[in-house]
Amino acid sequence: MKKTLLVITGLFLGFSLLAQNAAREIEASINSNAKFTNEKAAFYFEGFEESPDAGNGVLPTGWVQKRTTALDEDPTTDAESPMWFRQENGVYGFDDPDGDYVRTGVGSLAVGYTAPEFTWAISPEIPIPTPEEGSTFLEFWVWYANNGGSGPYPSSYYVNVFADGAWTNALSTVGPTEPENNFYETPVEIDLTAYHGKTIQIAFIYEFTDGYQMAVDDVTIYNSDPVGVSTNQFDNLAAYPNPFTDKISVNNAKVERVVIYNLIGQEVMNARVNGNTVDTSELLGGVYVVSFEGDGERVIRKMIKQ
């Protein structure tokens, strides 16, 4: 049985919104890891927390949407609704008071099951550095249903990578026989080591199969080289509160400096720790990647400034 779940703030927004946010009921949506924070030492992170137009579900700055009739076509045609959107309960997207469609924070990348053909959500350009050692991985979390118990609605999605002027398929998740449900329970990883020294784009591609809606959150690219990642004093670091306001407090580790980056990798704050706190009163609200450093070691956390 089909069911349309949507949030409308203000006046009725028309048929396109109904189609955009189409969702099927799921008998069980267990999201036990929903509020855990990714703590890998990442050099790229997108949590879909910010939008230039949250009220209309617009994706973060730099993301674009395309539509093709086949997976191996070049994505040159702009997508029209229904397509991917930024999910935030009470603002735009599925009616989601329990936060099932969001892993961390308030936002995620989502799509209703009526999006036609192959609908691409394409990231901005991402430089992949060449490390001295180790491999590089893309990690992301999905709310994905292949068998939700309400009908035979197999679902399919893909991940493609653009580099050197061409798109390459890196992951195919094709219903009905292959995949299991994954309600943010385990991350999906793709090896990007072949792209060291290149600039890439990532595309999440939803195929219309009359299947289930889906969502993506906490997209991270990181290097597996343990250099610079805590194996000692930072194992038990406590950084709080999260979300924070005017300060961040640290405990259980000797932190000398805190370096804060925005989600496109720009350093926005670099400060010494005073006692066990760092003043963040001049930092604008938003989602940040925070590096805690001391004694030649560091650990990375995603934190939110309210």
Protein backbone atom coordinates (compact mmCIF):
# COMPACT_ATOMS: atom_id res chain seq x y z
CA MET A 1 0.00 0.00 0.00
CA LYS A 2 1.40 3.39 -0.94
CA LYS A 3 1.47 6.23 1.51
CA THR A 4 2.62 9.79 0.94
CA LEU A 5 4.32 11.42 3.90
CA LEU A 6 5.08 15.09 3.62
CA VAL A 7 5.55 18.28 5.58
CA ILE A 8 3.97 21.49 4.35
CA THR A 9 4.85 24.67 6.19
CA GLY A 10 2.53 27.50 5.14
CA LEU A 11 0.38 27.27 2.02
CA PHE A 12 -0.26 24.16 -0.07
CA LEU A 13 2.71 23.72 -2.39
CA GLY A 14 1.17 21.67 -5.17
CA PHE A 15 1.46 18.28 -6.82
CA SER A 16 5.23 18.43 -7.33
CA LEU A 17 5.78 18.35 -3.57
CA LEU A 18 3.47 15.36 -3.21
CA ALA A 19 5.46 13.49 -5.82
CA GLN A 20 8.79 14.67 -4.44
CA ASN A 21 8.25 13.26 -0.96
CA ALA A 22 6.49 10.00 -1.79
CA ALA A 23 7.28 7.31 0.76
CA ARG A 24 6.09 3.80 1.54
CA GLU A 25 5.32 2.53 5.01
CA ILE A 26 7.99 0.30 6.55
CA GLU A 27 7.03 -2.30 9.14
CA ALA A 28 10.29 -1.85 11.04
CA SER A 29 12.80 0.99 10.75
CA ILE A 30 15.43 0.31 13.37
CA ASN A 31 17.88 3.19 13.53
CA SER A 32 19.99 2.18 16.54
CA ASN A 33 23.09 4.08 15.36
CA ALA A 34 21.22 7.21 14.39
CA LYS A 35 22.89 9.62 16.77
CA PHE A 36 26.41 8.22 16.81
CA THR A 37 29.05 10.58 15.43
CA ASN A 38 31.67 9.57 12.88
CA GLU A 39 35.09 10.12 14.48
CA LYS A 40 37.41 9.18 11.63
CA ALA A 41 40.18 11.57 10.63
CA ALA A 42 38.43 12.74 7.47
CA PHE A 43 39.51 15.30 4.90
CA TYR A 44 36.01 15.55 3.39
CA PHE A 45 32.68 15.41 5.18
CA GLU A 46 29.10 16.19 4.15
CA GLY A 47 26.32 15.76 6.69
CA PHE A 48 23.66 17.72 4.78
CA GLU A 49 23.19 20.06 7.72
CA GLU A 50 23.16 23.27 5.69
CA SER A 51 21.13 24.40 2.69
CA PRO A 52 20.83 27.66 0.75
CA ASP A 53 17.04 27.10 0.82
CA ALA A 54 16.07 24.55 3.49
CA GLY A 55 12.37 25.36 3.12
CA ASN A 56 12.41 23.94 -0.40
CA GLY A 57 14.74 21.02 0.31
CA VAL A 58 17.61 22.41 -1.75
CA LEU A 59 20.85 20.41 -1.49
CA PRO A 60 24.01 21.97 0.00
CA THR A 61 25.90 24.51 -2.07
CA GLY A 62 27.85 22.88 -4.91
CA TRP A 63 25.63 19.81 -5.24
CA VAL A 64 23.74 19.41 -8.53
CA GLN A 65 21.08 17.03 -9.79
CA LYS A 66 20.90 15.33 -13.17
CA ARG A 67 18.71 12.69 -14.81
CA THR A 68 19.56 9.97 -17.32
CA THR A 69 17.63 7.15 -18.94
CA ALA A 70 20.47 4.67 -18.35
CA LEU A 71 23.20 4.28 -15.76
CA ASP A 72 26.02 4.50 -18.31
CA GLU A 73 24.83 7.78 -19.85
CA ASP A 74 26.69 11.01 -19.13
CA PRO A 75 24.55 13.11 -16.76
CA THR A 76 23.97 16.27 -18.80
CA THR A 77 20.22 16.85 -18.34
CA ASP A 78 19.09 18.72 -15.24
CA ALA A 79 16.71 16.74 -13.04
CA GLU A 80 13.25 18.05 -12.26
CA SER A 81 10.96 17.18 -9.36
CA PRO A 82 10.56 14.51 -8.12
CA MET A 83 14.26 14.21 -7.33
CA TRP A 84 16.68 14.16 -4.38
CA PHE A 85 16.07 16.70 -1.62
CA ARG A 86 17.49 17.74 1.73
CA GLN A 87 15.42 16.05 4.42
CA GLU A 88 14.73 17.95 7.64
CA ASN A 89 11.69 17.09 9.72
CA GLY A 90 9.27 19.97 10.07
CA VAL A 91 11.07 21.96 7.35
CA TYR A 92 10.96 19.87 4.18
CA GLY A 93 10.70 16.21 3.30
CA PHE A 94 9.19 13.13 4.88
CA ASP A 95 7.15 13.39 8.06
CA ASP A 96 9.84 12.07 10.42
CA PRO A 97 9.28 13.02 14.08
CA ASP A 98 11.50 10.15 15.29
CA GLY A 99 14.42 11.10 13.03
CA ASP A 100 14.53 7.75 11.20
CA TYR A 101 15.74 9.30 7.95
CA VAL A 102 18.59 11.30 9.55
CA ARG A 103 21.64 9.64 11.09
CA THR A 104 23.23 12.64 12.82
CA GLY A 105 22.27 16.28 13.15
CA VAL A 106 19.01 17.42 11.53
CA GLY A 107 19.56 16.88 7.80
CA SER A 108 20.15 14.12 5.25
CA LEU A 109 20.03 13.51 1.49
CA ALA A 110 16.75 11.79 0.62
CA VAL A 111 14.60 10.77 -2.33
CA GLY A 112 11.04 9.52 -2.69
CA TYR A 113 10.22 6.33 -4.56
CA THR A 114 8.59 8.18 -7.48
CA ALA A 115 11.80 9.80 -8.76
CA PRO A 116 11.90 8.60 -12.41
CA GLU A 117 14.60 6.90 -14.45
CA PHE A 118 18.09 7.46 -12.95
CA THR A 119 18.30 10.53 -10.72
CA TRP A 120 21.80 11.73 -9.83
CA ALA A 121 22.85 13.81 -6.80
CA ILE A 122 26.38 14.95 -7.66
CA SER A 123 28.88 16.37 -5.18
CA PRO A 124 31.15 19.36 -5.72
CA GLU A 125 34.71 18.65 -6.87
CA ILE A 126 36.78 16.93 -4.16
CA PRO A 127 40.61 16.84 -4.33
CA ILE A 128 41.99 13.47 -3.19
CA PRO A 129 45.49 13.91 -1.75
CA THR A 130 48.23 11.32 -2.20
CA PRO A 131 49.24 10.14 1.28
CA GLU A 132 52.65 8.81 2.23
CA GLU A 133 51.00 5.55 3.25
CA GLY A 134 47.61 3.93 3.41
CA SER A 135 44.45 3.74 1.32
CA THR A 136 41.63 6.23 0.88
CA PHE A 137 37.99 5.33 1.42
CA LEU A 138 34.59 6.83 0.85
CA GLU A 139 32.24 6.00 3.71
CA PHE A 140 28.55 6.84 3.87
CA TRP A 141 25.46 5.67 5.74
CA VAL A 142 22.14 4.79 4.14
CA TRP A 143 18.53 4.40 5.08
CA TYR A 144 17.77 1.70 2.52
CA ALA A 145 14.84 -0.69 2.32
CA ASN A 146 14.72 -3.60 -0.10
CA ASN A 147 12.08 -5.60 1.75
CA GLY A 148 10.03 -3.43 4.08
CA GLY A 149 7.30 -5.99 4.63
CA SER A 150 4.56 -3.95 2.93
CA GLY A 151 4.96 -5.40 -0.54
CA PRO A 152 7.40 -6.62 -3.21
CA TYR A 153 9.16 -3.30 -3.75
CA PRO A 154 12.81 -4.00 -4.63
CA SER A 155 15.01 -0.89 -4.60
CA SER A 156 18.23 -0.04 -6.44
CA TYR A 157 20.87 2.66 -6.08
CA TYR A 158 24.38 3.24 -7.39
CA VAL A 159 27.50 5.27 -6.64
CA ASN A 160 29.55 6.63 -9.54
CA VAL A 161 32.86 8.51 -9.43
CA PHE A 162 33.91 11.18 -11.93
CA ALA A 163 37.64 11.62 -12.67
CA ASP A 164 39.78 12.27 -15.75
CA GLY A 165 36.74 13.30 -17.75
CA ALA A 166 34.71 10.10 -17.27
CA TRP A 167 32.22 8.53 -14.88
CA THR A 168 32.99 5.09 -13.40
CA ASN A 169 30.55 2.91 -11.48
CA ALA A 170 31.94 2.18 -8.02
CA LEU A 171 28.92 0.51 -6.37
CA SER A 172 25.72 -1.15 -7.54
CA THR A 173 23.05 -2.08 -5.01
CA VAL A 174 20.35 -3.82 -7.01
CA GLY A 175 17.12 -5.30 -5.65
CA PRO A 176 15.46 -7.64 -5.10
CA THR A 177 17.83 -10.57 -4.48
CA GLU A 178 21.11 -8.91 -3.51
CA PRO A 179 20.87 -6.35 -0.72
CA GLU A 180 19.52 -6.46 2.80
CA ASN A 181 17.75 -3.60 4.55
CA ASN A 182 20.15 -1.09 6.10
CA PHE A 183 18.52 1.51 8.33
CA TYR A 184 21.77 3.36 9.19
CA GLU A 185 22.97 0.18 10.89
CA THR A 186 26.27 -0.32 9.04
CA PRO A 187 28.30 2.08 6.88
CA VAL A 188 28.98 1.50 3.20
CA GLU A 189 32.63 1.82 2.12
CA ILE A 190 34.20 2.28 -1.31
CA ASP A 191 37.96 2.18 -1.93
CA LEU A 192 39.13 5.42 -3.59
CA THR A 193 42.85 4.63 -3.53
CA ALA A 194 42.97 4.60 -7.35
CA TYR A 195 42.07 8.30 -7.28
CA HIS A 196 45.07 9.52 -5.26
CA GLY A 197 46.25 12.84 -6.67
CA LYS A 198 43.05 13.40 -8.66
CA THR A 199 40.03 15.65 -8.27
CA ILE A 200 36.78 13.69 -8.24
CA GLN A 201 33.05 14.03 -7.90
CA ILE A 202 30.74 11.51 -6.21
CA ALA A 203 27.25 10.75 -7.52
CA PHE A 204 24.49 8.98 -5.59
CA ILE A 205 22.09 7.60 -8.19
CA TYR A 206 18.56 6.41 -7.45
CA GLU A 207 16.93 4.15 -10.03
CA PHE A 208 13.16 4.10 -10.38
CA THR A 209 12.01 0.53 -9.77
CA ASP A 210 8.72 1.39 -8.01
CA GLY A 211 10.68 0.51 -4.86
CA TYR A 212 11.19 2.27 -1.54
CA GLN A 213 12.36 5.76 -0.67
CA MET A 214 15.93 6.10 0.64
CA ALA A 215 18.27 8.52 2.42
CA VAL A 216 22.03 9.09 2.67
CA ASP A 217 23.92 10.78 5.53
CA ASP A 218 27.41 11.41 6.90
CA VAL A 219 29.40 11.15 3.67
CA THR A 220 33.08 10.94 4.64
CA ILE A 221 36.33 10.52 2.71
CA TYR A 222 39.30 9.51 4.83
CA ASN A 223 42.76 8.00 4.60
CA SER A 224 43.54 4.77 6.45
CA ASP A 225 47.11 5.84 7.26
CA PRO A 226 47.25 5.84 11.07
CA VAL A 227 49.77 8.71 11.14
CA GLY A 228 48.18 11.59 12.99
CA VAL A 229 45.27 9.53 14.25
CA SER A 230 45.09 8.87 17.95
CA THR A 231 46.32 5.50 19.14
CA ASN A 232 47.17 6.67 22.63
CA GLN A 233 46.08 9.57 24.82
CA PHE A 234 43.14 10.60 22.64
CA ASP A 235 41.45 7.21 22.77
CA ASN A 236 39.31 8.41 25.67
CA LEU A 237 38.99 12.10 24.74
CA ALA A 238 35.72 13.67 25.80
CA ALA A 239 34.74 16.83 23.90
CA TYR A 240 31.49 18.43 24.99
CA PRO A 241 28.80 19.64 24.71
CA ASN A 242 27.78 18.65 21.21
CA PRO A 243 26.01 20.71 19.97
CA PHE A 244 28.02 23.53 21.62
CA THR A 245 27.46 27.27 21.95
CA ASP A 246 30.18 29.58 23.33
CA LYS A 247 32.80 27.02 24.30
CA ILE A 248 34.02 23.46 23.89
CA SER A 249 35.30 21.60 26.94
CA VAL A 250 37.75 18.70 26.76
CA ASN A 251 38.61 15.99 29.23
CA ASN A 252 40.66 12.79 29.55
CA ALA A 253 43.46 13.99 27.23
CA LYS A 254 46.14 16.69 27.06
CA VAL A 255 44.79 18.92 24.30
CA GLU A 256 47.02 21.88 23.44
CA ARG A 257 45.28 23.27 20.38
CA VAL A 258 41.91 23.06 18.66
CA VAL A 259 41.67 23.63 14.90
CA ILE A 260 38.20 23.96 13.38
CA TYR A 261 37.34 23.50 9.69
CA ASN A 262 34.12 24.11 7.79
CA LEU A 263 32.63 21.38 5.63
CA ILE A 264 34.58 22.40 2.54
CA GLY A 265 37.89 22.07 4.37
CA GLN A 266 38.61 25.75 5.12
CA GLU A 267 40.23 26.51 8.48
CA VAL A 268 37.93 28.90 10.37
CA MET A 269 39.48 28.79 13.84
CA ASN A 270 42.84 27.87 15.37
CA ALA A 271 43.16 28.37 19.12
CA ARG A 272 45.12 27.18 22.12
CA VAL A 273 43.15 25.47 24.86
CA ASN A 274 42.80 27.55 28.03
CA GLY A 275 42.68 25.06 30.89
CA ASN A 276 40.24 22.53 29.49
CA THR A 277 38.09 24.84 27.35
CA VAL A 278 38.32 26.76 24.09
CA ASP A 279 36.29 29.90 23.39
CA THR A 280 34.01 29.49 20.35
CA SER A 281 31.80 32.54 20.90
CA GLU A 282 32.84 34.19 17.61
CA LEU A 283 32.19 31.08 15.52
CA LEU A 284 29.07 31.15 13.37
CA GLY A 285 26.44 28.47 13.84
CA GLY A 286 26.85 25.38 11.68
CA VAL A 287 28.50 21.97 11.36
CA TYR A 288 32.29 21.74 11.71
CA VAL A 289 35.15 19.26 11.63
CA VAL A 290 37.14 19.82 14.83
CA SER A 291 40.75 18.67 15.25
CA PHE A 292 41.99 18.24 18.84
CA GLU A 293 45.80 18.26 18.92
CA GLY A 294 48.58 17.71 21.45
CA ASP A 295 51.91 15.90 21.95
CA GLY A 296 52.17 15.25 18.21
CA GLU A 297 48.80 13.47 18.09
CA ARG A 298 45.33 14.48 17.06
CA VAL A 299 41.77 13.24 16.77
CA ILE A 300 38.92 14.53 14.60
CA ARG A 301 35.30 15.02 15.65
CA LYS A 302 32.24 16.36 13.86
CA MET A 303 30.57 18.99 16.06
CA ILE A 304 27.66 21.39 15.69
CA LYS A 305 27.65 25.06 16.79
CA GLN A 306 24.19 26.27 17.72
